[in-house]
């Protein structure tokens, strides 16, 4: 099976738009939540969060959705919450980032050969997007994949991110079942699975630091 970026773009059935408009109207529940957040915290980002990193990167990391106190507040993926602490420390360790992560978008941290996006661009209530919201936002992830000319590796953080990536890659769930540490081939791309680096997963032992590091060690070795 082969998968091209043009196929990824066609699968979205939408123009090549990488991120929803600031006042994107596509998901009514998320719109209402966004407006309530803007009224309560007018200085926060409170809008769809764009991808972070170089469009020419070979690695794309796909998360679930912005966290309320994280990217929804700061406007940068995984910035300002616990998941970002673990993710950016790991990226720095394996050379996919440089600088110092200080949990704010002006900390000067730079990604190296790496980009980060989310399956859902707006913060959902209780951090739980609905299936219809995931499906609606997939067009933007498809456009992100199609826009990256050197893309070779995709790390999906959690099952929802994994499932969302499958359609743009023209993979069936039966061909690529989710499992931490699993690697799936899709033409020129490799999809790497990891449990999400959330505080819940690390506190309960579902994901350890070593388990998370092992995923990026594998990606680093494959890209080198």
C-alpha atoms as a PDB file:
ATOM      1  CA  UNK A   1       0.000   0.000   0.000  1.00  0.00           C
ATOM      2  CA  UNK A   2       1.226   3.501  -0.779  1.00  0.00           C
ATOM      3  CA  UNK A   3       0.092   6.737   0.811  1.00  0.00           C
ATOM      4  CA  UNK A   4       0.862  10.137  -0.713  1.00  0.00           C
ATOM      5  CA  UNK A   5       0.398  13.627   0.661  1.00  0.00           C
ATOM      6  CA  UNK A   6      -2.032  14.368  -2.145  1.00  0.00           C
ATOM      7  CA  UNK A   7      -4.159  11.446  -0.980  1.00  0.00           C
ATOM      8  CA  UNK A   8      -4.006  12.777   2.574  1.00  0.00           C
ATOM      9  CA  UNK A   9      -5.183  16.153   1.332  1.00  0.00           C
ATOM     10  CA  UNK A  10      -7.997  14.650  -0.733  1.00  0.00           C
ATOM     11  CA  UNK A  11      -9.150  12.542   2.200  1.00  0.00           C
ATOM     12  CA  UNK A  12      -9.974  15.732   4.104  1.00  0.00           C
ATOM     13  CA  UNK A  13     -12.270  16.897   1.262  1.00  0.00           C
ATOM     14  CA  UNK A  14     -11.509  20.471   2.314  1.00  0.00           C
ATOM     15  CA  UNK A  15      -9.128  23.221   1.131  1.00  0.00           C
ATOM     16  CA  UNK A  16      -5.605  23.006   2.533  1.00  0.00           C
ATOM     17  CA  UNK A  17      -6.206  24.893   5.771  1.00  0.00           C
ATOM     18  CA  UNK A  18      -3.886  23.882   8.589  1.00  0.00           C
ATOM     19  CA  UNK A  19      -5.808  25.341  11.510  1.00  0.00           C
ATOM     20  CA  UNK A  20      -9.393  26.460  12.058  1.00  0.00           C
ATOM     21  CA  UNK A  21     -10.205  30.147  12.122  1.00  0.00           C
ATOM     22  CA  UNK A  22     -10.068  31.779  15.555  1.00  0.00           C
ATOM     23  CA  UNK A  23     -13.876  31.837  15.608  1.00  0.00           C
ATOM     24  CA  UNK A  24     -14.347  28.473  13.888  1.00  0.00           C
ATOM     25  CA  UNK A  25     -18.099  27.644  13.957  1.00  0.00           C
ATOM     26  CA  UNK A  26     -17.900  23.930  13.059  1.00  0.00           C
ATOM     27  CA  UNK A  27     -18.513  22.360  16.503  1.00  0.00           C
ATOM     28  CA  UNK A  28     -21.381  24.072  18.374  1.00  0.00           C
ATOM     29  CA  UNK A  29     -20.566  22.561  21.762  1.00  0.00           C
ATOM     30  CA  UNK A  30     -16.935  23.663  21.521  1.00  0.00           C
ATOM     31  CA  UNK A  31     -17.983  27.112  20.312  1.00  0.00           C
ATOM     32  CA  UNK A  32     -20.187  27.575  23.376  1.00  0.00           C
ATOM     33  CA  UNK A  33     -17.405  26.349  25.653  1.00  0.00           C
ATOM     34  CA  UNK A  34     -14.913  28.660  23.964  1.00  0.00           C
ATOM     35  CA  UNK A  35     -17.191  31.692  24.404  1.00  0.00           C
ATOM     36  CA  UNK A  36     -17.693  30.892  28.078  1.00  0.00           C
ATOM     37  CA  UNK A  37     -13.935  30.585  28.562  1.00  0.00           C
ATOM     38  CA  UNK A  38     -13.345  33.917  26.807  1.00  0.00           C
ATOM     39  CA  UNK A  39     -15.814  35.638  29.089  1.00  0.00           C
ATOM     40  CA  UNK A  40     -14.204  34.119  32.178  1.00  0.00           C
ATOM     41  CA  UNK A  41     -10.532  34.456  31.115  1.00  0.00           C
ATOM     42  CA  UNK A  42     -10.283  37.167  28.444  1.00  0.00           C
ATOM     43  CA  UNK A  43      -6.470  37.176  28.455  1.00  0.00           C
ATOM     44  CA  UNK A  44      -6.157  33.482  27.608  1.00  0.00           C
ATOM     45  CA  UNK A  45      -5.724  32.151  24.055  1.00  0.00           C
ATOM     46  CA  UNK A  46      -9.223  30.537  24.050  1.00  0.00           C
ATOM     47  CA  UNK A  47      -9.158  29.641  20.343  1.00  0.00           C
ATOM     48  CA  UNK A  48      -8.087  26.776  18.086  1.00  0.00           C
ATOM     49  CA  UNK A  49      -4.429  25.997  18.769  1.00  0.00           C
ATOM     50  CA  UNK A  50      -2.170  25.891  15.683  1.00  0.00           C
ATOM     51  CA  UNK A  51       0.606  23.346  15.166  1.00  0.00           C
ATOM     52  CA  UNK A  52       4.002  24.150  16.653  1.00  0.00           C
ATOM     53  CA  UNK A  53       7.275  23.525  14.826  1.00  0.00           C
ATOM     54  CA  UNK A  54       8.844  23.531  11.380  1.00  0.00           C
ATOM     55  CA  UNK A  55       6.618  22.471   8.489  1.00  0.00           C
ATOM     56  CA  UNK A  56       9.709  20.772   7.000  1.00  0.00           C
ATOM     57  CA  UNK A  57      10.172  18.496  10.020  1.00  0.00           C
ATOM     58  CA  UNK A  58      10.364  14.743   9.531  1.00  0.00           C
ATOM     59  CA  UNK A  59       8.525  14.021  12.812  1.00  0.00           C
ATOM     60  CA  UNK A  60       4.941  14.971  13.659  1.00  0.00           C
ATOM     61  CA  UNK A  61       3.552  14.379  17.149  1.00  0.00           C
ATOM     62  CA  UNK A  62      -0.246  14.215  17.381  1.00  0.00           C
ATOM     63  CA  UNK A  63      -1.947  14.821  20.711  1.00  0.00           C
ATOM     64  CA  UNK A  64      -5.614  14.732  21.682  1.00  0.00           C
ATOM     65  CA  UNK A  65      -6.760  18.320  22.275  1.00  0.00           C
ATOM     66  CA  UNK A  66      -5.615  21.487  24.076  1.00  0.00           C
ATOM     67  CA  UNK A  67      -5.708  21.294  27.858  1.00  0.00           C
ATOM     68  CA  UNK A  68      -7.734  23.927  29.654  1.00  0.00           C
ATOM     69  CA  UNK A  69      -4.795  25.251  31.694  1.00  0.00           C
ATOM     70  CA  UNK A  70      -2.264  24.321  29.015  1.00  0.00           C
ATOM     71  CA  UNK A  71      -2.533  25.119  25.315  1.00  0.00           C
ATOM     72  CA  UNK A  72      -5.981  26.684  25.653  1.00  0.00           C
ATOM     73  CA  UNK A  73      -4.408  29.245  27.977  1.00  0.00           C
ATOM     74  CA  UNK A  74      -1.013  29.680  26.289  1.00  0.00           C
ATOM     75  CA  UNK A  75      -1.781  29.039  22.608  1.00  0.00           C
ATOM     76  CA  UNK A  76       1.079  26.538  22.124  1.00  0.00           C
ATOM     77  CA  UNK A  77       0.545  22.756  22.119  1.00  0.00           C
ATOM     78  CA  UNK A  78       1.342  21.025  25.419  1.00  0.00           C
ATOM     79  CA  UNK A  79       2.516  24.264  27.019  1.00  0.00           C
ATOM     80  CA  UNK A  80       1.491  24.930  30.590  1.00  0.00           C
ATOM     81  CA  UNK A  81       0.305  21.535  31.794  1.00  0.00           C
ATOM     82  CA  UNK A  82       1.869  18.327  33.124  1.00  0.00           C
ATOM     83  CA  UNK A  83       1.734  16.522  29.793  1.00  0.00           C
ATOM     84  CA  UNK A  84       3.969  19.218  28.355  1.00  0.00           C
ATOM     85  CA  UNK A  85       6.497  18.823  31.168  1.00  0.00           C
ATOM     86  CA  UNK A  86       7.049  15.181  30.227  1.00  0.00           C
ATOM     87  CA  UNK A  87       6.781  15.660  26.466  1.00  0.00           C
ATOM     88  CA  UNK A  88       9.195  18.568  26.134  1.00  0.00           C
ATOM     89  CA  UNK A  89      11.713  17.041  28.566  1.00  0.00           C
ATOM     90  CA  UNK A  90      11.728  13.934  26.377  1.00  0.00           C
ATOM     91  CA  UNK A  91      12.054  15.926  23.149  1.00  0.00           C
ATOM     92  CA  UNK A  92      14.985  17.831  24.623  1.00  0.00           C
ATOM     93  CA  UNK A  93      16.632  14.592  25.700  1.00  0.00           C
ATOM     94  CA  UNK A  94      16.453  13.056  22.231  1.00  0.00           C
ATOM     95  CA  UNK A  95      17.422  16.149  20.283  1.00  0.00           C
ATOM     96  CA  UNK A  96      13.969  16.997  18.942  1.00  0.00           C
ATOM     97  CA  UNK A  97      14.023  20.325  20.801  1.00  0.00           C
ATOM     98  CA  UNK A  98      16.571  22.859  22.000  1.00  0.00           C
ATOM     99  CA  UNK A  99      16.517  25.601  24.601  1.00  0.00           C
ATOM    100  CA  UNK A 100      14.717  25.533  27.931  1.00  0.00           C
ATOM    101  CA  UNK A 101      11.069  24.659  28.428  1.00  0.00           C
ATOM    102  CA  UNK A 102       9.497  27.074  30.914  1.00  0.00           C
ATOM    103  CA  UNK A 103       5.818  26.322  30.233  1.00  0.00           C
ATOM    104  CA  UNK A 104       5.121  29.544  28.374  1.00  0.00           C
ATOM    105  CA  UNK A 105       5.087  30.311  24.640  1.00  0.00           C
ATOM    106  CA  UNK A 106       7.808  32.987  24.891  1.00  0.00           C
ATOM    107  CA  UNK A 107      10.338  30.726  26.647  1.00  0.00           C
ATOM    108  CA  UNK A 108      12.426  30.476  23.475  1.00  0.00           C
ATOM    109  CA  UNK A 109      12.083  26.692  23.162  1.00  0.00           C
ATOM    110  CA  UNK A 110      12.592  25.513  19.576  1.00  0.00           C
ATOM    111  CA  UNK A 111      11.647  22.188  18.052  1.00  0.00           C
ATOM    112  CA  UNK A 112      14.251  20.400  15.934  1.00  0.00           C
ATOM    113  CA  UNK A 113      13.032  18.300  12.979  1.00  0.00           C
ATOM    114  CA  UNK A 114       9.750  17.996  14.888  1.00  0.00           C
ATOM    115  CA  UNK A 115       6.243  19.414  14.790  1.00  0.00           C
ATOM    116  CA  UNK A 116       3.315  19.065  17.207  1.00  0.00           C
ATOM    117  CA  UNK A 117      -0.410  19.168  16.420  1.00  0.00           C
ATOM    118  CA  UNK A 118      -3.641  17.954  17.979  1.00  0.00           C
ATOM    119  CA  UNK A 119      -6.448  15.749  16.740  1.00  0.00           C
ATOM    120  CA  UNK A 120      -8.923  18.359  18.012  1.00  0.00           C
ATOM    121  CA  UNK A 121      -7.818  21.995  17.907  1.00  0.00           C
ATOM    122  CA  UNK A 122     -10.194  23.461  20.550  1.00  0.00           C
ATOM    123  CA  UNK A 123     -10.351  22.608  24.231  1.00  0.00           C
ATOM    124  CA  UNK A 124     -13.333  20.313  24.960  1.00  0.00           C
ATOM    125  CA  UNK A 125     -15.305  20.215  28.215  1.00  0.00           C
ATOM    126  CA  UNK A 126     -13.668  17.805  30.686  1.00  0.00           C
ATOM    127  CA  UNK A 127     -10.945  17.163  28.082  1.00  0.00           C
ATOM    128  CA  UNK A 128     -13.309  14.778  26.283  1.00  0.00           C
ATOM    129  CA  UNK A 129     -14.119  15.600  22.645  1.00  0.00           C
ATOM    130  CA  UNK A 130     -17.164  13.944  21.141  1.00  0.00           C
ATOM    131  CA  UNK A 131     -16.784  11.591  18.143  1.00  0.00           C
ATOM    132  CA  UNK A 132     -18.484  14.126  15.871  1.00  0.00           C
ATOM    133  CA  UNK A 133     -15.991  16.800  16.975  1.00  0.00           C
ATOM    134  CA  UNK A 134     -13.056  14.483  16.333  1.00  0.00           C
ATOM    135  CA  UNK A 135     -14.386  13.650  12.873  1.00  0.00           C
ATOM    136  CA  UNK A 136     -15.071  17.299  12.051  1.00  0.00           C
ATOM    137  CA  UNK A 137     -11.581  18.440  13.032  1.00  0.00           C
ATOM    138  CA  UNK A 138      -9.807  15.615  11.184  1.00  0.00           C
ATOM    139  CA  UNK A 139      -9.769  17.710   7.993  1.00  0.00           C
ATOM    140  CA  UNK A 140      -7.212  20.051   9.561  1.00  0.00           C
ATOM    141  CA  UNK A 141      -4.958  17.209  10.662  1.00  0.00           C
ATOM    142  CA  UNK A 142      -5.151  15.782   7.142  1.00  0.00           C
ATOM    143  CA  UNK A 143      -4.093  19.158   5.793  1.00  0.00           C
ATOM    144  CA  UNK A 144      -1.195  19.287   8.249  1.00  0.00           C
ATOM    145  CA  UNK A 145       0.045  15.889   7.107  1.00  0.00           C
ATOM    146  CA  UNK A 146      -0.287  16.904   3.467  1.00  0.00           C
ATOM    147  CA  UNK A 147       1.633  20.151   4.043  1.00  0.00           C
ATOM    148  CA  UNK A 148       4.787  18.514   5.447  1.00  0.00           C
ATOM    149  CA  UNK A 149       7.071  17.668   2.523  1.00  0.00           C
ATOM    150  CA  UNK A 150       9.675  15.734   4.532  1.00  0.00           C
ATOM    151  CA  UNK A 151       7.341  13.919   6.932  1.00  0.00           C
ATOM    152  CA  UNK A 152       8.455  10.379   7.748  1.00  0.00           C
ATOM    153  CA  UNK A 153       7.414   9.620  11.328  1.00  0.00           C
ATOM    154  CA  UNK A 154       4.200  10.258  13.260  1.00  0.00           C
ATOM    155  CA  UNK A 155       3.857   9.689  17.003  1.00  0.00           C
ATOM    156  CA  UNK A 156       0.255   9.322  18.147  1.00  0.00           C
ATOM    157  CA  UNK A 157      -0.244  10.133  21.823  1.00  0.00           C
ATOM    158  CA  UNK A 158      -3.185   7.987  22.865  1.00  0.00           C
ATOM    159  CA  UNK A 159      -5.828   5.965  21.076  1.00  0.00           C
ATOM    160  CA  UNK A 160      -7.904   8.915  19.851  1.00  0.00           C
ATOM    161  CA  UNK A 161      -4.881  10.508  18.192  1.00  0.00           C
ATOM    162  CA  UNK A 162      -3.986   7.114  16.711  1.00  0.00           C
ATOM    163  CA  UNK A 163      -7.479   6.538  15.340  1.00  0.00           C
ATOM    164  CA  UNK A 164      -7.636  10.071  13.943  1.00  0.00           C
ATOM    165  CA  UNK A 165      -4.390   9.647  12.023  1.00  0.00           C
ATOM    166  CA  UNK A 166      -5.450   6.379  10.388  1.00  0.00           C
ATOM    167  CA  UNK A 167      -7.881   7.846   7.855  1.00  0.00           C
ATOM    168  CA  UNK A 168      -5.501  10.436   6.346  1.00  0.00           C
ATOM    169  CA  UNK A 169      -2.926   7.637   6.071  1.00  0.00           C
ATOM    170  CA  UNK A 170      -5.465   5.335   4.394  1.00  0.00           C
ATOM    171  CA  UNK A 171      -4.998   2.725   7.114  1.00  0.00           C
ATOM    172  CA  UNK A 172      -7.770   0.546   8.506  1.00  0.00           C
ATOM    173  CA  UNK A 173      -7.991  -0.047  12.248  1.00  0.00           C
ATOM    174  CA  UNK A 174      -7.521  -3.766  11.640  1.00  0.00           C
ATOM    175  CA  UNK A 175      -4.243  -3.041   9.834  1.00  0.00           C
ATOM    176  CA  UNK A 176      -2.863  -0.870  12.621  1.00  0.00           C
ATOM    177  CA  UNK A 177      -4.269  -1.683  16.073  1.00  0.00           C
ATOM    178  CA  UNK A 178      -3.297   0.757  18.807  1.00  0.00           C
ATOM    179  CA  UNK A 179      -0.766  -0.392  21.368  1.00  0.00           C
ATOM    180  CA  UNK A 180       1.925   1.393  23.310  1.00  0.00           C
ATOM    181  CA  UNK A 181       5.226   0.951  21.501  1.00  0.00           C
ATOM    182  CA  UNK A 182       3.586  -0.381  18.341  1.00  0.00           C
ATOM    183  CA  UNK A 183       4.944   0.764  14.970  1.00  0.00           C
ATOM    184  CA  UNK A 184       2.834   0.700  11.805  1.00  0.00           C
ATOM    185  CA  UNK A 185       4.015   1.232   8.243  1.00  0.00           C
ATOM    186  CA  UNK A 186       1.913   3.362   5.863  1.00  0.00           C
ATOM    187  CA  UNK A 187       3.776   3.763   2.612  1.00  0.00           C
ATOM    188  CA  UNK A 188       6.626   6.198   3.241  1.00  0.00           C
ATOM    189  CA  UNK A 189       5.391   6.931   6.771  1.00  0.00           C
ATOM    190  CA  UNK A 190       5.779   5.122  10.075  1.00  0.00           C
ATOM    191  CA  UNK A 191       3.162   5.576  12.787  1.00  0.00           C
ATOM    192  CA  UNK A 192       4.410   5.106  16.361  1.00  0.00           C
ATOM    193  CA  UNK A 193       1.938   4.609  19.206  1.00  0.00           C
ATOM    194  CA  UNK A 194       2.296   5.826  22.768  1.00  0.00           C
ATOM    195  CA  UNK A 195      -0.033   6.116  25.685  1.00  0.00           C
ATOM    196  CA  UNK A 196      -0.829   9.760  26.249  1.00  0.00           C
ATOM    197  CA  UNK A 197       1.591  11.561  28.561  1.00  0.00           C
ATOM    198  CA  UNK A 198      -1.206  12.825  30.816  1.00  0.00           C
ATOM    199  CA  UNK A 199      -0.876  13.176  34.567  1.00  0.00           C
ATOM    200  CA  UNK A 200      -3.555  10.510  35.002  1.00  0.00           C
ATOM    201  CA  UNK A 201      -1.617   7.943  32.976  1.00  0.00           C
ATOM    202  CA  UNK A 202       1.664   8.634  34.749  1.00  0.00           C
ATOM    203  CA  UNK A 203       0.108   8.778  38.231  1.00  0.00           C
ATOM    204  CA  UNK A 204      -1.627   5.432  37.713  1.00  0.00           C
ATOM    205  CA  UNK A 205       1.443   3.771  36.226  1.00  0.00           C
ATOM    206  CA  UNK A 206      -0.188   3.199  32.842  1.00  0.00           C
ATOM    207  CA  UNK A 207       2.734   5.170  31.390  1.00  0.00           C
ATOM    208  CA  UNK A 208       6.169   5.446  32.960  1.00  0.00           C
ATOM    209  CA  UNK A 209       8.906   7.860  31.956  1.00  0.00           C
ATOM    210  CA  UNK A 210      10.969   4.969  30.610  1.00  0.00           C
ATOM    211  CA  UNK A 211       8.038   3.709  28.531  1.00  0.00           C
ATOM    212  CA  UNK A 212       7.596   7.145  27.024  1.00  0.00           C
ATOM    213  CA  UNK A 213      11.310   7.608  26.391  1.00  0.00           C
ATOM    214  CA  UNK A 214      11.482   4.259  24.613  1.00  0.00           C
ATOM    215  CA  UNK A 215       9.055   5.464  21.928  1.00  0.00           C
ATOM    216  CA  UNK A 216      11.174   8.485  21.087  1.00  0.00           C
ATOM    217  CA  UNK A 217      14.385   6.474  21.288  1.00  0.00           C
ATOM    218  CA  UNK A 218      12.948   4.235  18.574  1.00  0.00           C
ATOM    219  CA  UNK A 219      11.878   7.221  16.453  1.00  0.00           C
ATOM    220  CA  UNK A 220      15.333   8.803  16.828  1.00  0.00           C
ATOM    221  CA  UNK A 221      17.091   5.592  15.826  1.00  0.00           C
ATOM    222  CA  UNK A 222      14.858   5.103  12.785  1.00  0.00           C
ATOM    223  CA  UNK A 223      15.328   8.669  11.545  1.00  0.00           C
ATOM    224  CA  UNK A 224      19.108   8.730  12.048  1.00  0.00           C
END
